Amino acid sequence: MKRSLLGLGFVVLFGFSAPSWAGKDDHVILKEALNNVVTVSQIAKLADETGVTLIGQITKHVKSDHYELKDKSGTIGVEIDDDIWQRAGLKVGDHVRVVGEVDTHRYKPTDVEAITVEKLAH
C-alpha cells in the first residue's frame, strides 16, 4: 500500500512539473513571434526558445527535415517538419515567412524550429 501511494506521489509530482521542462507552448511562441520580426544575423543575439518571424528564401535541403534559409543578412538552418512542409506545398527556392523558435545548441550552430511556414509570392 505504501509503495502504491509513493508511486502515485511521484506520478503526480512529475506530472505537475512537466511544463517546467517542456518549454514554451506553441501559442506563446506564436504570439511572441508576431512582434519579433528579425533577420538571420539578429538571431545569434537571441535567447533559446525566443519566438521569431523570419522572411527569406529556402536555398537548400540539408537532410531529413533540415533546410537552409537565406535573407539579406545571411543564412541559417531551419527545421521544418514534413507535415508543415507538405501542407505549405514548399520546394527549395521558395520565398517564405517562417514563424518559430530560436533553438540554441551546445555543439552545433543556432537554428530555428518552425511552427508555421507560409509560402510568399515573389
PDB file of N, CA and C in Angstrom:
ATOM      1  N   MET A   1       0.825  -1.191   0.000  1.00  0.00           N
ATOM      2  CA  MET A   1       0.000   0.000   0.000  1.00  0.00           C
ATOM      3  C   MET A   1       0.872   1.258   0.000  1.00  0.00           C
ATOM      4  N   LYS A   2       1.924   1.239   0.861  1.00  0.00           N
ATOM      5  CA  LYS A   2       2.803   2.400   0.926  1.00  0.00           C
ATOM      6  C   LYS A   2       3.527   2.608  -0.402  1.00  0.00           C
ATOM      7  N   ARG A   3       3.919   1.498  -1.036  1.00  0.00           N
ATOM      8  CA  ARG A   3       4.599   1.612  -2.330  1.00  0.00           C
ATOM      9  C   ARG A   3       3.674   2.207  -3.383  1.00  0.00           C
ATOM     10  N   SER A   4       2.419   1.809  -3.364  1.00  0.00           N
ATOM     11  CA  SER A   4       1.449   2.338  -4.326  1.00  0.00           C
ATOM     12  C   SER A   4       1.278   3.838  -4.145  1.00  0.00           C
ATOM     13  N   LEU A   5       1.146   4.261  -2.889  1.00  0.00           N
ATOM     14  CA  LEU A   5       0.988   5.688  -2.619  1.00  0.00           C
ATOM     15  C   LEU A   5       2.243   6.467  -2.981  1.00  0.00           C
ATOM     16  N   LEU A   6       3.404   5.883  -2.709  1.00  0.00           N
ATOM     17  CA  LEU A   6       4.663   6.534  -3.061  1.00  0.00           C
ATOM     18  C   LEU A   6       4.780   6.673  -4.580  1.00  0.00           C
ATOM     19  N   GLY A   7       4.436   5.608  -5.299  1.00  0.00           N
ATOM     20  CA  GLY A   7       4.469   5.647  -6.766  1.00  0.00           C
ATOM     21  C   GLY A   7       3.506   6.681  -7.313  1.00  0.00           C
ATOM     22  N   LEU A   8       2.302   6.729  -6.750  1.00  0.00           N
ATOM     23  CA  LEU A   8       1.309   7.713  -7.169  1.00  0.00           C
ATOM     24  C   LEU A   8       1.804   9.128  -6.883  1.00  0.00           C
ATOM     25  N   GLY A   9       2.469   9.301  -5.748  1.00  0.00           N
ATOM     26  CA  GLY A   9       3.027  10.616  -5.408  1.00  0.00           C
ATOM     27  C   GLY A   9       4.043  11.082  -6.436  1.00  0.00           C
ATOM     28  N   PHE A  10       4.906  10.178  -6.890  1.00  0.00           N
ATOM     29  CA  PHE A  10       5.892  10.533  -7.917  1.00  0.00           C
ATOM     30  C   PHE A  10       5.221  10.891  -9.239  1.00  0.00           C
ATOM     31  N   VAL A  11       4.194  10.137  -9.610  1.00  0.00           N
ATOM     32  CA  VAL A  11       3.475  10.421 -10.859  1.00  0.00           C
ATOM     33  C   VAL A  11       2.864  11.814 -10.802  1.00  0.00           C
ATOM     34  N   VAL A  12       2.211  12.130  -9.693  1.00  0.00           N
ATOM     35  CA  VAL A  12       1.594  13.447  -9.534  1.00  0.00           C
ATOM     36  C   VAL A  12       2.655  14.539  -9.534  1.00  0.00           C
ATOM     37  N   LEU A  13       3.730  14.349  -8.788  1.00  0.00           N
ATOM     38  CA  LEU A  13       4.798  15.344  -8.701  1.00  0.00           C
ATOM     39  C   LEU A  13       5.398  15.628 -10.068  1.00  0.00           C
ATOM     40  N   PHE A  14       5.758  14.590 -10.799  1.00  0.00           N
ATOM     41  CA  PHE A  14       6.384  14.787 -12.102  1.00  0.00           C
ATOM     42  C   PHE A  14       5.382  15.250 -13.152  1.00  0.00           C
ATOM     43  N   GLY A  15       4.137  14.861 -13.001  1.00  0.00           N
ATOM     44  CA  GLY A  15       3.104  15.322 -13.932  1.00  0.00           C
ATOM     45  C   GLY A  15       2.903  16.824 -13.852  1.00  0.00           C
ATOM     46  N   PHE A  16       2.901  17.365 -12.640  1.00  0.00           N
ATOM     47  CA  PHE A  16       2.721  18.804 -12.474  1.00  0.00           C
ATOM     48  C   PHE A  16       3.966  19.597 -12.837  1.00  0.00           C
ATOM     49  N   SER A  17       5.107  18.959 -12.804  1.00  0.00           N
ATOM     50  CA  SER A  17       6.335  19.681 -13.129  1.00  0.00           C
ATOM     51  C   SER A  17       6.653  19.640 -14.619  1.00  0.00           C
ATOM     52  N   ALA A  18       5.862  18.936 -15.422  1.00  0.00           N
ATOM     53  CA  ALA A  18       6.131  18.808 -16.859  1.00  0.00           C
ATOM     54  C   ALA A  18       6.287  20.152 -17.560  1.00  0.00           C
ATOM     55  N   PRO A  19       5.429  21.145 -17.312  1.00  0.00           N
ATOM     56  CA  PRO A  19       5.605  22.419 -18.011  1.00  0.00           C
ATOM     57  C   PRO A  19       6.954  23.083 -17.747  1.00  0.00           C
ATOM     58  N   SER A  20       7.581  22.794 -16.620  1.00  0.00           N
ATOM     59  CA  SER A  20       8.857  23.431 -16.320  1.00  0.00           C
ATOM     60  C   SER A  20       9.987  22.919 -17.201  1.00  0.00           C
ATOM     61  N   TRP A  21       9.869  21.709 -17.731  1.00  0.00           N
ATOM     62  CA  TRP A  21      10.930  21.186 -18.599  1.00  0.00           C
ATOM     63  C   TRP A  21      10.497  21.092 -20.049  1.00  0.00           C
ATOM     64  N   ALA A  22       9.226  21.276 -20.314  1.00  0.00           N
ATOM     65  CA  ALA A  22       8.720  21.089 -21.667  1.00  0.00           C
ATOM     66  C   ALA A  22       8.935  22.307 -22.553  1.00  0.00           C
ATOM     67  N   GLY A  23       9.297  23.453 -22.010  1.00  0.00           N
ATOM     68  CA  GLY A  23       9.487  24.650 -22.818  1.00  0.00           C
ATOM     69  C   GLY A  23       8.170  25.382 -23.025  1.00  0.00           C
ATOM     70  N   LYS A  24       8.218  26.385 -23.889  1.00  0.00           N
ATOM     71  CA  LYS A  24       7.042  27.205 -24.153  1.00  0.00           C
ATOM     72  C   LYS A  24       6.054  26.470 -25.056  1.00  0.00           C
ATOM     73  N   ASP A  25       4.771  26.729 -24.844  1.00  0.00           N
ATOM     74  CA  ASP A  25       3.738  26.213 -25.740  1.00  0.00           C
ATOM     75  C   ASP A  25       3.801  26.955 -27.064  1.00  0.00           C
ATOM     76  N   ASP A  26       3.349  26.294 -28.123  1.00  0.00           N
ATOM     77  CA  ASP A  26       3.372  26.907 -29.453  1.00  0.00           C
ATOM     78  C   ASP A  26       2.601  28.222 -29.502  1.00  0.00           C
ATOM     79  N   HIS A  27       1.454  28.304 -28.818  1.00  0.00           N
ATOM     80  CA  HIS A  27       0.669  29.542 -28.880  1.00  0.00           C
ATOM     81  C   HIS A  27       1.413  30.716 -28.246  1.00  0.00           C
ATOM     82  N   VAL A  28       2.219  30.460 -27.233  1.00  0.00           N
ATOM     83  CA  VAL A  28       3.026  31.515 -26.606  1.00  0.00           C
ATOM     84  C   VAL A  28       4.117  31.970 -27.576  1.00  0.00           C
ATOM     85  N   ILE A  29       4.757  31.015 -28.241  1.00  0.00           N
ATOM     86  CA  ILE A  29       5.803  31.337 -29.216  1.00  0.00           C
ATOM     87  C   ILE A  29       5.218  32.113 -30.388  1.00  0.00           C
ATOM     88  N   LEU A  30       4.051  31.695 -30.880  1.00  0.00           N
ATOM     89  CA  LEU A  30       3.411  32.395 -31.998  1.00  0.00           C
ATOM     90  C   LEU A  30       3.103  33.843 -31.642  1.00  0.00           C
ATOM     91  N   LYS A  31       2.580  34.068 -30.446  1.00  0.00           N
ATOM     92  CA  LYS A  31       2.266  35.433 -30.007  1.00  0.00           C
ATOM     93  C   LYS A  31       3.535  36.278 -29.914  1.00  0.00           C
ATOM     94  N   GLU A  32       4.585  35.705 -29.350  1.00  0.00           N
ATOM     95  CA  GLU A  32       5.862  36.411 -29.226  1.00  0.00           C
ATOM     96  C   GLU A  32       6.454  36.714 -30.603  1.00  0.00           C
ATOM     97  N   ALA A  33       6.346  35.763 -31.524  1.00  0.00           N
ATOM     98  CA  ALA A  33       6.938  35.905 -32.856  1.00  0.00           C
ATOM     99  C   ALA A  33       6.273  37.003 -33.678  1.00  0.00           C
ATOM    100  N   LEU A  34       4.991  37.258 -33.445  1.00  0.00           N
ATOM    101  CA  LEU A  34       4.290  38.306 -34.190  1.00  0.00           C
ATOM    102  C   LEU A  34       4.944  39.670 -34.002  1.00  0.00           C
ATOM    103  N   ASN A  35       5.499  39.900 -32.827  1.00  0.00           N
ATOM    104  CA  ASN A  35       6.138  41.179 -32.511  1.00  0.00           C
ATOM    105  C   ASN A  35       7.653  41.114 -32.627  1.00  0.00           C
ATOM    106  N   ASN A  36       8.170  40.042 -33.211  1.00  0.00           N
ATOM    107  CA  ASN A  36       9.610  39.826 -33.238  1.00  0.00           C
ATOM    108  C   ASN A  36      10.067  39.404 -34.633  1.00  0.00           C
ATOM    109  N   VAL A  37       9.863  40.277 -35.617  1.00  0.00           N
ATOM    110  CA  VAL A  37      10.324  40.008 -36.977  1.00  0.00           C
ATOM    111  C   VAL A  37      11.809  40.357 -37.022  1.00  0.00           C
ATOM    112  N   VAL A  38      12.644  39.351 -37.332  1.00  0.00           N
ATOM    113  CA  VAL A  38      14.093  39.525 -37.254  1.00  0.00           C
ATOM    114  C   VAL A  38      14.770  39.052 -38.531  1.00  0.00           C
ATOM    115  N   THR A  39      16.047  39.424 -38.649  1.00  0.00           N
ATOM    116  CA  THR A  39      16.879  38.912 -39.735  1.00  0.00           C
ATOM    117  C   THR A  39      17.715  37.756 -39.197  1.00  0.00           C
ATOM    118  N   VAL A  40      18.311  37.021 -40.104  1.00  0.00           N
ATOM    119  CA  VAL A  40      19.166  35.895 -39.723  1.00  0.00           C
ATOM    120  C   VAL A  40      20.280  36.352 -38.784  1.00  0.00           C
ATOM    121  N   SER A  41      20.920  37.465 -39.094  1.00  0.00           N
ATOM    122  CA  SER A  41      22.047  37.918 -38.266  1.00  0.00           C
ATOM    123  C   SER A  41      21.618  38.299 -36.852  1.00  0.00           C
ATOM    124  N   GLN A  42      20.385  38.716 -36.662  1.00  0.00           N
ATOM    125  CA  GLN A  42      19.902  39.094 -35.333  1.00  0.00           C
ATOM    126  C   GLN A  42      19.632  37.884 -34.441  1.00  0.00           C
ATOM    127  N   ILE A  43      19.416  36.728 -35.034  1.00  0.00           N
ATOM    128  CA  ILE A  43      19.069  35.537 -34.260  1.00  0.00           C
ATOM    129  C   ILE A  43      20.189  35.123 -33.317  1.00  0.00           C
ATOM    130  N   ALA A  44      21.430  35.325 -33.706  1.00  0.00           N
ATOM    131  CA  ALA A  44      22.568  34.926 -32.868  1.00  0.00           C
ATOM    132  C   ALA A  44      22.547  35.616 -31.505  1.00  0.00           C
ATOM    133  N   LYS A  45      21.882  36.756 -31.403  1.00  0.00           N
ATOM    134  CA  LYS A  45      21.850  37.522 -30.158  1.00  0.00           C
ATOM    135  C   LYS A  45      20.647  37.169 -29.280  1.00  0.00           C
ATOM    136  N   LEU A  46      19.774  36.300 -29.770  1.00  0.00           N
ATOM    137  CA  LEU A  46      18.545  35.994 -29.050  1.00  0.00           C
ATOM    138  C   LEU A  46      18.688  34.738 -28.189  1.00  0.00           C
ATOM    139  N   ALA A  47      17.888  34.684 -27.145  1.00  0.00           N
ATOM    140  CA  ALA A  47      17.907  33.542 -26.226  1.00  0.00           C
ATOM    141  C   ALA A  47      17.194  32.337 -26.831  1.00  0.00           C
ATOM    142  N   ASP A  48      17.543  31.168 -26.321  1.00  0.00           N
ATOM    143  CA  ASP A  48      16.881  29.929 -26.712  1.00  0.00           C
ATOM    144  C   ASP A  48      15.378  30.046 -26.455  1.00  0.00           C
ATOM    145  N   GLU A  49      14.582  29.492 -27.348  1.00  0.00           N
ATOM    146  CA  GLU A  49      13.125  29.459 -27.275  1.00  0.00           C
ATOM    147  C   GLU A  49      12.465  30.819 -27.469  1.00  0.00           C
ATOM    148  N   THR A  50      13.186  31.794 -28.024  1.00  0.00           N
ATOM    149  CA  THR A  50      12.578  33.077 -28.351  1.00  0.00           C
ATOM    150  C   THR A  50      11.749  32.908 -29.613  1.00  0.00           C
ATOM    151  N   GLY A  51      10.521  33.388 -29.593  1.00  0.00           N
ATOM    152  CA  GLY A  51       9.661  33.333 -30.771  1.00  0.00           C
ATOM    153  C   GLY A  51      10.102  34.361 -31.793  1.00  0.00           C
ATOM    154  N   VAL A  52      10.250  33.936 -33.059  1.00  0.00           N
ATOM    155  CA  VAL A  52      10.713  34.831 -34.120  1.00  0.00           C
ATOM    156  C   VAL A  52       9.918  34.608 -35.404  1.00  0.00           C
ATOM    157  N   THR A  53       9.902  35.656 -36.222  1.00  0.00           N
ATOM    158  CA  THR A  53       9.391  35.570 -37.583  1.00  0.00           C
ATOM    159  C   THR A  53      10.529  35.946 -38.510  1.00  0.00           C
ATOM    160  N   LEU A  54      10.810  35.072 -39.472  1.00  0.00           N
ATOM    161  CA  LEU A  54      11.881  35.276 -40.463  1.00  0.00           C
ATOM    162  C   LEU A  54      11.280  35.278 -41.853  1.00  0.00           C
ATOM    163  N   ILE A  55      11.782  36.141 -42.711  1.00  0.00           N
ATOM    164  CA  ILE A  55      11.363  36.141 -44.110  1.00  0.00           C
ATOM    165  C   ILE A  55      12.605  35.944 -44.956  1.00  0.00           C
ATOM    166  N   GLY A  56      12.553  34.953 -45.839  1.00  0.00           N
ATOM    167  CA  GLY A  56      13.714  34.657 -46.669  1.00  0.00           C
ATOM    168  C   GLY A  56      13.399  33.606 -47.711  1.00  0.00           C
ATOM    169  N   GLN A  57      14.458  33.040 -48.270  1.00  0.00           N
ATOM    170  CA  GLN A  57      14.334  32.037 -49.322  1.00  0.00           C
ATOM    171  C   GLN A  57      14.959  30.728 -48.853  1.00  0.00           C
ATOM    172  N   ILE A  58      14.248  29.632 -49.080  1.00  0.00           N
ATOM    173  CA  ILE A  58      14.803  28.314 -48.782  1.00  0.00           C
ATOM    174  C   ILE A  58      15.798  27.991 -49.888  1.00  0.00           C
ATOM    175  N   THR A  59      17.059  27.854 -49.525  1.00  0.00           N
ATOM    176  CA  THR A  59      18.103  27.677 -50.536  1.00  0.00           C
ATOM    177  C   THR A  59      18.629  26.261 -50.641  1.00  0.00           C
ATOM    178  N   LYS A  60      18.360  25.428 -49.621  1.00  0.00           N
ATOM    179  CA  LYS A  60      18.990  24.110 -49.630  1.00  0.00           C
ATOM    180  C   LYS A  60      18.235  23.144 -48.720  1.00  0.00           C
ATOM    181  N   HIS A  61      18.139  21.892 -49.156  1.00  0.00           N
ATOM    182  CA  HIS A  61      17.651  20.808 -48.304  1.00  0.00           C
ATOM    183  C   HIS A  61      18.884  20.117 -47.746  1.00  0.00           C
ATOM    184  N   VAL A  62      19.123  20.243 -46.460  1.00  0.00           N
ATOM    185  CA  VAL A  62      20.329  19.705 -45.841  1.00  0.00           C
ATOM    186  C   VAL A  62      20.179  18.207 -45.604  1.00  0.00           C
ATOM    187  N   LYS A  63      19.151  17.807 -44.870  1.00  0.00           N
ATOM    188  CA  LYS A  63      18.834  16.395 -44.626  1.00  0.00           C
ATOM    189  C   LYS A  63      17.504  16.322 -43.897  1.00  0.00           C
ATOM    190  N   SER A  64      16.814  15.241 -44.055  1.00  0.00           N
ATOM    191  CA  SER A  64      15.571  14.974 -43.348  1.00  0.00           C
ATOM    192  C   SER A  64      14.672  16.214 -43.344  1.00  0.00           C
ATOM    193  N   ASP A  65      14.416  16.797 -42.174  1.00  0.00           N
ATOM    194  CA  ASP A  65      13.567  17.988 -42.100  1.00  0.00           C
ATOM    195  C   ASP A  65      14.374  19.256 -41.811  1.00  0.00           C
ATOM    196  N   HIS A  66      15.631  19.256 -42.225  1.00  0.00           N
ATOM    197  CA  HIS A  66      16.521  20.404 -42.027  1.00  0.00           C
ATOM    198  C   HIS A  66      16.792  21.094 -43.360  1.00  0.00           C
ATOM    199  N   TYR A  67      16.581  22.413 -43.365  1.00  0.00           N
ATOM    200  CA  TYR A  67      16.746  23.227 -44.566  1.00  0.00           C
ATOM    201  C   TYR A  67      17.610  24.433 -44.237  1.00  0.00           C
ATOM    202  N   GLU A  68      18.049  25.126 -45.270  1.00  0.00           N
ATOM    203  CA  GLU A  68      18.816  26.358 -45.100  1.00  0.00           C
ATOM    204  C   GLU A  68      17.977  27.506 -45.638  1.00  0.00           C
ATOM    205  N   LEU A  69      17.870  28.574 -44.848  1.00  0.00           N
ATOM    206  CA  LEU A  69      17.115  29.757 -45.237  1.00  0.00           C
ATOM    207  C   LEU A  69      18.076  30.933 -45.343  1.00  0.00           C
ATOM    208  N   LYS A  70      17.905  31.727 -46.389  1.00  0.00           N
ATOM    209  CA  LYS A  70      18.781  32.876 -46.634  1.00  0.00           C
ATOM    210  C   LYS A  70      17.941  34.146 -46.678  1.00  0.00           C
ATOM    211  N   ASP A  71      18.454  35.189 -46.018  1.00  0.00           N
ATOM    212  CA  ASP A  71      17.888  36.524 -46.188  1.00  0.00           C
ATOM    213  C   ASP A  71      19.032  37.476 -46.506  1.00  0.00           C
ATOM    214  N   LYS A  72      18.765  38.771 -46.513  1.00  0.00           N
ATOM    215  CA  LYS A  72      19.797  39.743 -46.904  1.00  0.00           C
ATOM    216  C   LYS A  72      20.985  39.779 -45.946  1.00  0.00           C
ATOM    217  N   SER A  73      20.822  39.227 -44.726  1.00  0.00           N
ATOM    218  CA  SER A  73      21.897  39.309 -43.733  1.00  0.00           C
ATOM    219  C   SER A  73      22.699  38.022 -43.565  1.00  0.00           C
ATOM    220  N   GLY A  74      22.244  36.914 -44.151  1.00  0.00           N
ATOM    221  CA  GLY A  74      22.976  35.660 -44.009  1.00  0.00           C
ATOM    222  C   GLY A  74      22.100  34.439 -44.178  1.00  0.00           C
ATOM    223  N   THR A  75      22.621  33.291 -43.733  1.00  0.00           N
ATOM    224  CA  THR A  75      21.877  32.033 -43.824  1.00  0.00           C
ATOM    225  C   THR A  75      21.799  31.379 -42.446  1.00  0.00           C
ATOM    226  N   ILE A  76      20.757  30.560 -42.275  1.00  0.00           N
ATOM    227  CA  ILE A  76      20.560  29.846 -41.011  1.00  0.00           C
ATOM    228  C   ILE A  76      19.839  28.539 -41.296  1.00  0.00           C
ATOM    229  N   GLY A  77      20.074  27.565 -40.439  1.00  0.00           N
ATOM    230  CA  GLY A  77      19.349  26.307 -40.533  1.00  0.00           C
ATOM    231  C   GLY A  77      17.943  26.467 -39.983  1.00  0.00           C
ATOM    232  N   VAL A  78      16.992  25.817 -40.657  1.00  0.00           N
ATOM    233  CA  VAL A  78      15.600  25.834 -40.220  1.00  0.00           C
ATOM    234  C   VAL A  78      15.094  24.398 -40.216  1.00  0.00           C
ATOM    235  N   GLU A  79      14.500  23.995 -39.114  1.00  0.00           N
ATOM    236  CA  GLU A  79      13.904  22.663 -39.023  1.00  0.00           C
ATOM    237  C   GLU A  79      12.416  22.790 -39.320  1.00  0.00           C
ATOM    238  N   ILE A  80      11.997  22.181 -40.432  1.00  0.00           N
ATOM    239  CA  ILE A  80      10.600  22.229 -40.858  1.00  0.00           C
ATOM    240  C   ILE A  80      10.086  20.793 -40.913  1.00  0.00           C
ATOM    241  N   ASP A  81       9.171  20.449 -40.026  1.00  0.00           N
ATOM    242  CA  ASP A  81       8.616  19.097 -40.015  1.00  0.00           C
ATOM    243  C   ASP A  81       7.949  18.781 -41.349  1.00  0.00           C
ATOM    244  N   ASP A  82       7.981  17.511 -41.721  1.00  0.00           N
ATOM    245  CA  ASP A  82       7.428  17.077 -43.007  1.00  0.00           C
ATOM    246  C   ASP A  82       5.974  17.485 -43.193  1.00  0.00           C
ATOM    247  N   ASP A  83       5.165  17.393 -42.140  1.00  0.00           N
ATOM    248  CA  ASP A  83       3.754  17.748 -42.285  1.00  0.00           C
ATOM    249  C   ASP A  83       3.575  19.234 -42.590  1.00  0.00           C
ATOM    250  N   ILE A  84       4.398  20.084 -42.015  1.00  0.00           N
ATOM    251  CA  ILE A  84       4.345  21.525 -42.302  1.00  0.00           C
ATOM    252  C   ILE A  84       4.813  21.778 -43.729  1.00  0.00           C
ATOM    253  N   TRP A  85       5.904  21.128 -44.132  1.00  0.00           N
ATOM    254  CA  TRP A  85       6.474  21.283 -45.473  1.00  0.00           C
ATOM    255  C   TRP A  85       5.444  20.900 -46.540  1.00  0.00           C
ATOM    256  N   GLN A  86       4.821  19.747 -46.368  1.00  0.00           N
ATOM    257  CA  GLN A  86       3.864  19.251 -47.360  1.00  0.00           C
ATOM    258  C   GLN A  86       2.590  20.083 -47.382  1.00  0.00           C
ATOM    259  N   ARG A  87       2.087  20.479 -46.218  1.00  0.00           N
ATOM    260  CA  ARG A  87       0.868  21.285 -46.140  1.00  0.00           C
ATOM    261  C   ARG A  87       1.043  22.614 -46.867  1.00  0.00           C
ATOM    262  N   ALA A  88       2.233  23.216 -46.775  1.00  0.00           N
ATOM    263  CA  ALA A  88       2.501  24.508 -47.419  1.00  0.00           C
ATOM    264  C   ALA A  88       2.874  24.347 -48.888  1.00  0.00           C
ATOM    265  N   GLY A  89       3.120  23.115 -49.345  1.00  0.00           N
ATOM    266  CA  GLY A  89       3.495  22.874 -50.740  1.00  0.00           C
ATOM    267  C   GLY A  89       4.826  23.513 -51.093  1.00  0.00           C
ATOM    268  N   LEU A  90       5.808  23.363 -50.225  1.00  0.00           N
ATOM    269  CA  LEU A  90       7.092  24.040 -50.394  1.00  0.00           C
ATOM    270  C   LEU A  90       8.062  23.257 -51.263  1.00  0.00           C
ATOM    271  N   LYS A  91       9.023  23.999 -51.818  1.00  0.00           N
ATOM    272  CA  LYS A  91      10.163  23.404 -52.518  1.00  0.00           C
ATOM    273  C   LYS A  91      11.357  24.334 -52.334  1.00  0.00           C
ATOM    274  N   VAL A  92      12.550  23.790 -52.517  1.00  0.00           N
ATOM    275  CA  VAL A  92      13.759  24.605 -52.433  1.00  0.00           C
ATOM    276  C   VAL A  92      13.650  25.716 -53.471  1.00  0.00           C
ATOM    277  N   GLY A  93      13.998  26.927 -53.064  1.00  0.00           N
ATOM    278  CA  GLY A  93      13.897  28.096 -53.930  1.00  0.00           C
ATOM    279  C   GLY A  93      12.720  28.992 -53.584  1.00  0.00           C
ATOM    280  N   ASP A  94      11.756  28.475 -52.816  1.00  0.00           N
ATOM    281  CA  ASP A  94      10.585  29.266 -52.436  1.00  0.00           C
ATOM    282  C   ASP A  94      10.956  30.364 -51.445  1.00  0.00           C
ATOM    283  N   HIS A  95      10.251  31.478 -51.562  1.00  0.00           N
ATOM    284  CA  HIS A  95      10.346  32.569 -50.594  1.00  0.00           C
ATOM    285  C   HIS A  95       9.265  32.317 -49.551  1.00  0.00           C
ATOM    286  N   VAL A  96       9.643  32.424 -48.276  1.00  0.00           N
ATOM    287  CA  VAL A  96       8.743  32.027 -47.195  1.00  0.00           C
ATOM    288  C   VAL A  96       8.795  32.980 -46.009  1.00  0.00           C
ATOM    289  N   ARG A  97       7.743  32.892 -45.207  1.00  0.00           N
ATOM    290  CA  ARG A  97       7.712  33.521 -43.886  1.00  0.00           C
ATOM    291  C   ARG A  97       7.686  32.366 -42.888  1.00  0.00           C
ATOM    292  N   VAL A  98       8.707  32.285 -42.062  1.00  0.00           N
ATOM    293  CA  VAL A  98       8.818  31.221 -41.069  1.00  0.00           C
ATOM    294  C   VAL A  98       8.547  31.810 -39.690  1.00  0.00           C
ATOM    295  N   VAL A  99       7.622  31.203 -38.981  1.00  0.00           N
ATOM    296  CA  VAL A  99       7.360  31.569 -37.594  1.00  0.00           C
ATOM    297  C   VAL A  99       7.782  30.374 -36.753  1.00  0.00           C
ATOM    298  N   GLY A 100       8.660  30.632 -35.793  1.00  0.00           N
ATOM    299  CA  GLY A 100       9.158  29.526 -34.986  1.00  0.00           C
ATOM    300  C   GLY A 100       9.929  30.019 -33.784  1.00  0.00           C
ATOM    301  N   GLU A 101      10.759  29.129 -33.262  1.00  0.00           N
ATOM    302  CA  GLU A 101      11.532  29.484 -32.078  1.00  0.00           C
ATOM    303  C   GLU A 101      13.018  29.267 -32.309  1.00  0.00           C
ATOM    304  N   VAL A 102      13.804  30.147 -31.705  1.00  0.00           N
ATOM    305  CA  VAL A 102      15.259  30.028 -31.747  1.00  0.00           C
ATOM    306  C   VAL A 102      15.636  28.764 -30.978  1.00  0.00           C
ATOM    307  N   ASP A 103      16.535  27.993 -31.553  1.00  0.00           N
ATOM    308  CA  ASP A 103      16.974  26.744 -30.934  1.00  0.00           C
ATOM    309  C   ASP A 103      18.498  26.767 -30.839  1.00  0.00           C
ATOM    310  N   THR A 104      19.003  27.063 -29.639  1.00  0.00           N
ATOM    311  CA  THR A 104      20.456  27.104 -29.445  1.00  0.00           C
ATOM    312  C   THR A 104      20.945  25.723 -29.028  1.00  0.00           C
ATOM    313  N   HIS A 105      22.178  25.417 -29.390  1.00  0.00           N
ATOM    314  CA  HIS A 105      22.768  24.112 -29.101  1.00  0.00           C
ATOM    315  C   HIS A 105      24.165  24.312 -28.533  1.00  0.00           C
ATOM    316  N   ARG A 106      24.628  23.325 -27.825  1.00  0.00           N
ATOM    317  CA  ARG A 106      25.967  23.403 -27.249  1.00  0.00           C
ATOM    318  C   ARG A 106      27.046  23.189 -28.308  1.00  0.00           C
ATOM    319  N   TYR A 107      26.840  22.218 -29.204  1.00  0.00           N
ATOM    320  CA  TYR A 107      27.916  21.832 -30.122  1.00  0.00           C
ATOM    321  C   TYR A 107      27.589  22.015 -31.596  1.00  0.00           C
ATOM    322  N   LYS A 108      26.500  22.681 -31.907  1.00  0.00           N
ATOM    323  CA  LYS A 108      26.202  22.972 -33.306  1.00  0.00           C
ATOM    324  C   LYS A 108      25.572  24.351 -33.396  1.00  0.00           C
ATOM    325  N   PRO A 109      25.532  24.924 -34.588  1.00  0.00           N
ATOM    326  CA  PRO A 109      25.044  26.302 -34.730  1.00  0.00           C
ATOM    327  C   PRO A 109      23.570  26.462 -34.335  1.00  0.00           C
ATOM    328  N   THR A 110      23.238  27.655 -33.905  1.00  0.00           N
ATOM    329  CA  THR A 110      21.855  28.007 -33.600  1.00  0.00           C
ATOM    330  C   THR A 110      21.016  27.871 -34.860  1.00  0.00           C
ATOM    331  N   ASP A 111      19.787  27.371 -34.694  1.00  0.00           N
ATOM    332  CA  ASP A 111      18.870  27.286 -35.824  1.00  0.00           C
ATOM    333  C   ASP A 111      17.480  27.704 -35.362  1.00  0.00           C
ATOM    334  N   VAL A 112      16.506  27.560 -36.250  1.00  0.00           N
ATOM    335  CA  VAL A 112      15.130  27.921 -35.935  1.00  0.00           C
ATOM    336  C   VAL A 112      14.257  26.696 -36.158  1.00  0.00           C
ATOM    337  N   GLU A 113      13.423  26.390 -35.186  1.00  0.00           N
ATOM    338  CA  GLU A 113      12.457  25.303 -35.334  1.00  0.00           C
ATOM    339  C   GLU A 113      11.130  25.924 -35.742  1.00  0.00           C
ATOM    340  N   ALA A 114      10.665  25.593 -36.942  1.00  0.00           N
ATOM    341  CA  ALA A 114       9.456  26.200 -37.494  1.00  0.00           C
ATOM    342  C   ALA A 114       8.199  25.647 -36.840  1.00  0.00           C
ATOM    343  N   ILE A 115       7.260  26.549 -36.563  1.00  0.00           N
ATOM    344  CA  ILE A 115       5.932  26.161 -36.107  1.00  0.00           C
ATOM    345  C   ILE A 115       4.955  26.307 -37.267  1.00  0.00           C
ATOM    346  N   THR A 116       5.111  27.391 -38.023  1.00  0.00           N
ATOM    347  CA  THR A 116       4.327  27.575 -39.247  1.00  0.00           C
ATOM    348  C   THR A 116       5.241  28.129 -40.333  1.00  0.00           C
ATOM    349  N   VAL A 117       4.909  27.795 -41.573  1.00  0.00           N
ATOM    350  CA  VAL A 117       5.639  28.325 -42.724  1.00  0.00           C
ATOM    351  C   VAL A 117       4.609  28.737 -43.761  1.00  0.00           C
ATOM    352  N   GLU A 118       4.757  29.953 -44.264  1.00  0.00           N
ATOM    353  CA  GLU A 118       3.861  30.468 -45.296  1.00  0.00           C
ATOM    354  C   GLU A 118       4.670  30.754 -46.552  1.00  0.00           C
ATOM    355  N   LYS A 119       4.228  30.196 -47.666  1.00  0.00           N
ATOM    356  CA  LYS A 119       4.868  30.447 -48.955  1.00  0.00           C
ATOM    357  C   LYS A 119       4.455  31.840 -49.423  1.00  0.00           C
ATOM    358  N   LEU A 120       5.432  32.641 -49.855  1.00  0.00           N
ATOM    359  CA  LEU A 120       5.171  34.010 -50.299  1.00  0.00           C
ATOM    360  C   LEU A 120       5.307  34.117 -51.808  1.00  0.00           C
ATOM    361  N   ALA A 121       4.470  34.940 -52.404  1.00  0.00           N
ATOM    362  CA  ALA A 121       4.603  35.223 -53.835  1.00  0.00           C
ATOM    363  C   ALA A 121       5.801  36.137 -54.015  1.00  0.00           C
ATOM    364  N   HIS A 122       6.607  35.829 -55.010  1.00  0.00           N
ATOM    365  CA  HIS A 122       7.800  36.654 -55.224  1.00  0.00           C
ATOM    366  C   HIS A 122       7.960  37.003 -56.669  1.00  0.00           C
TER     367      HIS A 122
END
